[in-house]
Amino acid sequence: MPMTLTSVIIDAADIETEGTFWHRLLGGSVHRTPTHRFIQAPGLPVVVVQSAPGHVAPSWPDGTSQQMHLDFGVDDLASADRTATEAGAIRLRPAEAAIDHTGSRVYASPAGHPFCLRAA
C-alpha cells in the first residue's frame, strides 16, 4: 500500500514563536488559526505547529530521548546554519563540530525540537 507523508506535527506551548521559527527556516507560506500554524514550503509536507500548553522540550542530546527529529539536506551548510540561527535555532553542538561521520549539525527549535542540517 503506497503512502504519502502529508504533514509533520510539532507541539509547542508558544505556537507563534515556534511557527515563526519554522516559517523563517523553511520559507513558503503560513496559515494561522487560534490553535495551529500551517507552514507550506516547496517540496516538503505541511509543517503544522499545534498548541500544546503543557509541552515540555526534550532534553536530548544530554538527557532523555529526543522523541523524534527532522533531518534536512542542504546545498550550502554554512548558509543554512546562518538561516537557522537567525531564525532562532539553538545549536546543540558547536558549528564547527560534526557530531558523527555524516557531518550533521544539530539544533533545536525554540520549543526544543531537535533537527539536523547536513550537506545534501
N, C-alpha and C. Protein backbone atom coordinates (compact mmCIF):
# COMPACT_ATOMS: atom_id res chain seq x y z
N MET A 1 0.85 -1.17 0.00
CA MET A 1 0.00 0.00 0.00
C MET A 1 0.90 1.24 0.00
N PRO A 2 0.83 2.06 -1.05
CA PRO A 2 1.63 3.29 -1.10
C PRO A 2 1.12 4.32 -0.09
N MET A 3 2.04 5.05 0.49
CA MET A 3 1.68 6.12 1.43
C MET A 3 2.42 7.39 1.05
N THR A 4 1.83 8.50 1.43
CA THR A 4 2.43 9.80 1.23
C THR A 4 2.45 10.53 2.57
N LEU A 5 3.59 11.04 2.94
CA LEU A 5 3.67 11.85 4.16
C LEU A 5 3.09 13.22 3.84
N THR A 6 1.97 13.56 4.45
CA THR A 6 1.29 14.82 4.13
C THR A 6 1.61 15.95 5.09
N SER A 7 1.99 15.60 6.34
CA SER A 7 2.29 16.66 7.29
C SER A 7 3.16 16.12 8.42
N VAL A 8 3.84 17.05 9.06
CA VAL A 8 4.61 16.79 10.27
C VAL A 8 4.04 17.72 11.32
N ILE A 9 3.66 17.17 12.46
CA ILE A 9 3.01 17.95 13.52
C ILE A 9 4.01 18.17 14.65
N ILE A 10 4.13 19.43 15.06
CA ILE A 10 5.09 19.81 16.09
C ILE A 10 4.33 20.48 17.23
N ASP A 11 4.46 19.95 18.43
CA ASP A 11 3.83 20.55 19.61
C ASP A 11 4.64 21.73 20.12
N ALA A 12 3.93 22.73 20.63
CA ALA A 12 4.59 23.88 21.25
C ALA A 12 3.63 24.59 22.18
N ALA A 13 4.16 25.08 23.28
CA ALA A 13 3.35 25.90 24.19
C ALA A 13 3.12 27.28 23.58
N ASP A 14 4.10 27.80 22.88
CA ASP A 14 4.02 29.12 22.24
C ASP A 14 4.02 28.90 20.72
N ILE A 15 2.84 28.79 20.13
CA ILE A 15 2.77 28.46 18.70
C ILE A 15 3.21 29.62 17.81
N GLU A 16 3.10 30.84 18.29
CA GLU A 16 3.54 31.97 17.45
C GLU A 16 5.06 31.95 17.28
N THR A 17 5.79 31.78 18.38
CA THR A 17 7.26 31.72 18.29
C THR A 17 7.71 30.51 17.49
N GLU A 18 7.15 29.34 17.79
CA GLU A 18 7.55 28.12 17.10
C GLU A 18 7.15 28.16 15.63
N GLY A 19 5.94 28.64 15.34
CA GLY A 19 5.50 28.74 13.94
C GLY A 19 6.34 29.72 13.15
N THR A 20 6.67 30.86 13.75
CA THR A 20 7.52 31.85 13.08
C THR A 20 8.89 31.27 12.81
N PHE A 21 9.44 30.52 13.76
CA PHE A 21 10.74 29.88 13.55
C PHE A 21 10.72 28.97 12.32
N TRP A 22 9.77 28.04 12.28
CA TRP A 22 9.73 27.09 11.16
C TRP A 22 9.46 27.80 9.85
N HIS A 23 8.65 28.84 9.86
CA HIS A 23 8.39 29.60 8.63
C HIS A 23 9.65 30.30 8.16
N ARG A 24 10.39 30.92 9.07
CA ARG A 24 11.65 31.60 8.70
C ARG A 24 12.69 30.60 8.20
N LEU A 25 12.73 29.41 8.81
CA LEU A 25 13.71 28.41 8.40
C LEU A 25 13.37 27.81 7.04
N LEU A 26 12.11 27.46 6.83
CA LEU A 26 11.71 26.71 5.63
C LEU A 26 11.19 27.58 4.49
N GLY A 27 10.76 28.80 4.80
CA GLY A 27 10.17 29.64 3.76
C GLY A 27 8.74 29.23 3.48
N GLY A 28 8.27 29.57 2.30
CA GLY A 28 6.91 29.21 1.92
C GLY A 28 5.87 30.15 2.51
N SER A 29 4.71 29.59 2.79
CA SER A 29 3.60 30.38 3.32
C SER A 29 3.15 29.80 4.65
N VAL A 30 2.44 30.65 5.41
CA VAL A 30 1.92 30.20 6.70
C VAL A 30 0.45 30.59 6.80
N HIS A 31 -0.35 29.66 7.31
CA HIS A 31 -1.76 29.93 7.59
C HIS A 31 -1.94 29.79 9.10
N ARG A 32 -2.57 30.81 9.71
CA ARG A 32 -2.73 30.84 11.17
C ARG A 32 -4.17 30.57 11.57
N THR A 33 -4.34 29.74 12.60
CA THR A 33 -5.62 29.58 13.28
C THR A 33 -5.32 29.82 14.76
N PRO A 34 -6.33 29.91 15.60
CA PRO A 34 -6.05 30.14 17.02
C PRO A 34 -5.18 29.05 17.67
N THR A 35 -5.22 27.83 17.16
CA THR A 35 -4.50 26.73 17.80
C THR A 35 -3.42 26.08 16.94
N HIS A 36 -3.26 26.56 15.69
CA HIS A 36 -2.30 25.93 14.78
C HIS A 36 -1.63 26.96 13.88
N ARG A 37 -0.44 26.60 13.41
CA ARG A 37 0.24 27.32 12.34
C ARG A 37 0.58 26.28 11.29
N PHE A 38 0.15 26.48 10.05
CA PHE A 38 0.37 25.56 8.95
C PHE A 38 1.40 26.18 8.01
N ILE A 39 2.58 25.58 7.93
CA ILE A 39 3.65 26.11 7.08
C ILE A 39 3.77 25.20 5.86
N GLN A 40 3.57 25.78 4.67
CA GLN A 40 3.70 25.04 3.42
C GLN A 40 4.92 25.57 2.69
N ALA A 41 5.95 24.75 2.63
CA ALA A 41 7.20 25.12 1.96
C ALA A 41 7.37 24.22 0.74
N PRO A 42 7.93 24.76 -0.33
CA PRO A 42 8.10 23.98 -1.55
C PRO A 42 8.86 22.67 -1.31
N GLY A 43 8.31 21.58 -1.83
CA GLY A 43 8.97 20.28 -1.77
C GLY A 43 8.87 19.55 -0.44
N LEU A 44 8.14 20.10 0.53
CA LEU A 44 8.03 19.48 1.85
C LEU A 44 6.57 19.20 2.19
N PRO A 45 6.33 18.23 3.08
CA PRO A 45 4.97 18.10 3.61
C PRO A 45 4.64 19.33 4.43
N VAL A 46 3.38 19.54 4.71
CA VAL A 46 2.96 20.67 5.54
C VAL A 46 3.54 20.47 6.94
N VAL A 47 4.15 21.52 7.48
CA VAL A 47 4.64 21.51 8.86
C VAL A 47 3.59 22.24 9.69
N VAL A 48 3.03 21.52 10.65
CA VAL A 48 1.95 22.07 11.47
C VAL A 48 2.45 22.23 12.90
N VAL A 49 2.39 23.43 13.41
CA VAL A 49 2.70 23.68 14.81
C VAL A 49 1.37 23.77 15.53
N GLN A 50 1.18 22.87 16.50
CA GLN A 50 -0.10 22.85 17.22
C GLN A 50 0.09 23.23 18.67
N SER A 51 -0.92 23.87 19.21
CA SER A 51 -0.89 24.31 20.59
C SER A 51 -0.87 23.11 21.53
N ALA A 52 0.11 23.11 22.41
CA ALA A 52 0.24 22.08 23.44
C ALA A 52 0.70 22.79 24.71
N PRO A 53 -0.25 23.35 25.46
CA PRO A 53 0.09 24.18 26.62
C PRO A 53 1.03 23.52 27.63
N GLY A 54 1.00 22.22 27.77
CA GLY A 54 1.87 21.55 28.73
C GLY A 54 3.15 21.00 28.11
N HIS A 55 3.47 21.44 26.91
CA HIS A 55 4.64 20.90 26.21
C HIS A 55 5.91 21.08 27.03
N VAL A 56 6.69 20.00 27.13
CA VAL A 56 8.00 20.02 27.77
C VAL A 56 9.01 19.63 26.71
N ALA A 57 10.00 20.46 26.50
CA ALA A 57 11.01 20.20 25.47
C ALA A 57 11.82 18.96 25.80
N PRO A 58 12.20 18.19 24.76
CA PRO A 58 13.10 17.07 25.01
C PRO A 58 14.44 17.58 25.55
N SER A 59 15.11 16.78 26.33
CA SER A 59 16.40 17.21 26.90
C SER A 59 17.57 16.57 26.15
N TRP A 60 17.32 16.04 24.98
CA TRP A 60 18.36 15.44 24.14
C TRP A 60 19.28 16.52 23.62
N PRO A 61 20.55 16.35 23.46
CA PRO A 61 21.29 15.09 23.42
C PRO A 61 21.87 14.67 24.76
N ASP A 62 21.74 15.48 25.78
CA ASP A 62 22.39 15.16 27.05
C ASP A 62 21.46 14.55 28.08
N GLY A 63 20.22 14.32 27.71
CA GLY A 63 19.27 13.78 28.67
C GLY A 63 18.50 12.62 28.09
N THR A 64 17.21 12.68 28.24
CA THR A 64 16.35 11.59 27.81
C THR A 64 16.15 11.60 26.30
N SER A 65 15.33 10.72 25.84
CA SER A 65 15.07 10.54 24.41
C SER A 65 14.70 11.85 23.73
N GLN A 66 15.09 11.95 22.47
CA GLN A 66 14.75 13.13 21.68
C GLN A 66 13.32 13.04 21.13
N GLN A 67 12.64 11.95 21.30
CA GLN A 67 11.29 11.70 20.81
C GLN A 67 11.29 11.51 19.30
N MET A 68 11.71 12.45 18.55
CA MET A 68 11.87 12.39 17.10
C MET A 68 12.70 13.59 16.69
N HIS A 69 13.22 13.54 15.47
CA HIS A 69 13.87 14.74 14.95
C HIS A 69 13.77 14.75 13.44
N LEU A 70 14.03 15.89 12.87
CA LEU A 70 13.98 16.06 11.41
C LEU A 70 15.39 16.26 10.89
N ASP A 71 15.68 15.69 9.73
CA ASP A 71 16.94 15.90 9.04
C ASP A 71 16.65 16.66 7.75
N PHE A 72 17.43 17.71 7.49
CA PHE A 72 17.29 18.49 6.26
C PHE A 72 18.60 18.44 5.48
N GLY A 73 18.54 18.02 4.22
CA GLY A 73 19.69 18.09 3.34
C GLY A 73 19.74 19.47 2.72
N VAL A 74 20.90 20.09 2.74
CA VAL A 74 21.06 21.45 2.22
C VAL A 74 22.24 21.52 1.27
N ASP A 75 22.19 22.43 0.31
CA ASP A 75 23.28 22.60 -0.65
C ASP A 75 24.46 23.36 -0.03
N ASP A 76 24.16 24.30 0.84
CA ASP A 76 25.21 25.14 1.43
C ASP A 76 25.03 25.13 2.95
N LEU A 77 25.82 24.32 3.62
CA LEU A 77 25.68 24.14 5.07
C LEU A 77 25.91 25.42 5.85
N ALA A 78 26.91 26.21 5.44
CA ALA A 78 27.19 27.46 6.16
C ALA A 78 26.02 28.43 6.05
N SER A 79 25.45 28.55 4.86
CA SER A 79 24.31 29.44 4.66
C SER A 79 23.09 28.94 5.43
N ALA A 80 22.86 27.64 5.40
CA ALA A 80 21.71 27.07 6.13
C ALA A 80 21.89 27.25 7.63
N ASP A 81 23.13 27.15 8.12
CA ASP A 81 23.41 27.38 9.53
C ASP A 81 23.05 28.82 9.91
N ARG A 82 23.44 29.79 9.08
CA ARG A 82 23.11 31.19 9.35
C ARG A 82 21.59 31.39 9.36
N THR A 83 20.91 30.83 8.38
CA THR A 83 19.45 30.96 8.31
C THR A 83 18.81 30.38 9.56
N ALA A 84 19.25 29.20 9.96
CA ALA A 84 18.67 28.54 11.13
C ALA A 84 18.89 29.36 12.41
N THR A 85 20.12 29.80 12.63
CA THR A 85 20.39 30.54 13.87
C THR A 85 19.73 31.91 13.86
N GLU A 86 19.67 32.58 12.71
CA GLU A 86 18.97 33.87 12.63
C GLU A 86 17.48 33.71 12.85
N ALA A 87 16.93 32.54 12.49
CA ALA A 87 15.50 32.26 12.69
C ALA A 87 15.21 31.93 14.15
N GLY A 88 16.25 31.61 14.93
CA GLY A 88 16.05 31.32 16.35
C GLY A 88 16.46 29.93 16.77
N ALA A 89 17.10 29.16 15.89
CA ALA A 89 17.56 27.82 16.26
C ALA A 89 18.64 27.92 17.33
N ILE A 90 18.68 26.91 18.16
CA ILE A 90 19.68 26.81 19.22
C ILE A 90 20.63 25.69 18.81
N ARG A 91 21.91 25.99 18.70
CA ARG A 91 22.89 24.95 18.37
C ARG A 91 23.04 24.00 19.56
N LEU A 92 22.92 22.70 19.29
CA LEU A 92 23.13 21.70 20.33
C LEU A 92 24.55 21.15 20.30
N ARG A 93 25.27 21.47 19.25
CA ARG A 93 26.69 21.14 19.11
C ARG A 93 27.34 22.36 18.45
N PRO A 94 28.62 22.61 18.70
CA PRO A 94 29.30 23.73 18.04
C PRO A 94 29.23 23.61 16.52
N ALA A 95 29.14 24.73 15.82
CA ALA A 95 29.00 24.74 14.36
C ALA A 95 30.14 24.02 13.67
N GLU A 96 31.35 24.14 14.22
CA GLU A 96 32.50 23.55 13.54
C GLU A 96 32.65 22.06 13.84
N ALA A 97 31.84 21.53 14.74
CA ALA A 97 31.97 20.12 15.12
C ALA A 97 30.85 19.29 14.50
N ALA A 98 31.21 18.43 13.57
CA ALA A 98 30.24 17.46 13.06
C ALA A 98 30.07 16.40 14.13
N ILE A 99 28.83 16.02 14.39
CA ILE A 99 28.59 15.10 15.51
C ILE A 99 28.99 13.66 15.19
N ASP A 100 29.04 13.31 13.92
CA ASP A 100 29.43 11.95 13.56
C ASP A 100 29.92 11.94 12.12
N HIS A 101 30.05 10.78 11.56
CA HIS A 101 30.59 10.64 10.21
C HIS A 101 29.69 11.26 9.14
N THR A 102 28.45 11.57 9.46
CA THR A 102 27.54 12.15 8.46
C THR A 102 27.79 13.64 8.24
N GLY A 103 28.46 14.29 9.17
CA GLY A 103 28.69 15.72 9.05
C GLY A 103 27.48 16.56 9.43
N SER A 104 26.56 16.00 10.17
CA SER A 104 25.36 16.73 10.58
C SER A 104 25.68 17.82 11.58
N ARG A 105 24.94 18.90 11.49
CA ARG A 105 24.95 19.92 12.54
C ARG A 105 23.60 19.82 13.24
N VAL A 106 23.64 19.84 14.56
CA VAL A 106 22.45 19.55 15.36
C VAL A 106 21.95 20.81 16.05
N TYR A 107 20.64 21.04 15.97
CA TYR A 107 19.99 22.23 16.51
C TYR A 107 18.71 21.84 17.24
N ALA A 108 18.13 22.82 17.92
CA ALA A 108 16.78 22.69 18.46
C ALA A 108 16.00 23.92 18.06
N SER A 109 14.71 23.73 17.85
CA SER A 109 13.82 24.85 17.59
C SER A 109 13.58 25.60 18.90
N PRO A 110 12.93 26.76 18.88
CA PRO A 110 12.67 27.47 20.13
C PRO A 110 11.92 26.63 21.18
N ALA A 111 11.06 25.69 20.72
CA ALA A 111 10.35 24.82 21.66
C ALA A 111 11.15 23.59 22.04
N GLY A 112 12.40 23.49 21.54
CA GLY A 112 13.28 22.41 21.94
C GLY A 112 13.27 21.19 21.03
N HIS A 113 12.59 21.24 19.89
CA HIS A 113 12.54 20.09 18.99
C HIS A 113 13.84 19.99 18.20
N PRO A 114 14.56 18.86 18.31
CA PRO A 114 15.82 18.72 17.62
C PRO A 114 15.67 18.52 16.11
N PHE A 115 16.63 19.05 15.36
CA PHE A 115 16.70 18.81 13.92
C PHE A 115 18.15 18.93 13.50
N CYS A 116 18.45 18.34 12.35
CA CYS A 116 19.81 18.35 11.83
C CYS A 116 19.84 18.98 10.44
N LEU A 117 20.93 19.65 10.17
CA LEU A 117 21.24 20.11 8.81
C LEU A 117 22.47 19.33 8.37
N ARG A 118 22.42 18.82 7.14
CA ARG A 118 23.57 18.11 6.62
C ARG A 118 23.71 18.40 5.14
N ALA A 119 24.93 18.36 4.66
CA ALA A 119 25.17 18.61 3.23
C ALA A 119 24.42 17.56 2.42
N ALA A 120 23.68 18.02 1.41
CA ALA A 120 22.90 17.10 0.57
C ALA A 120 23.79 16.29 -0.32
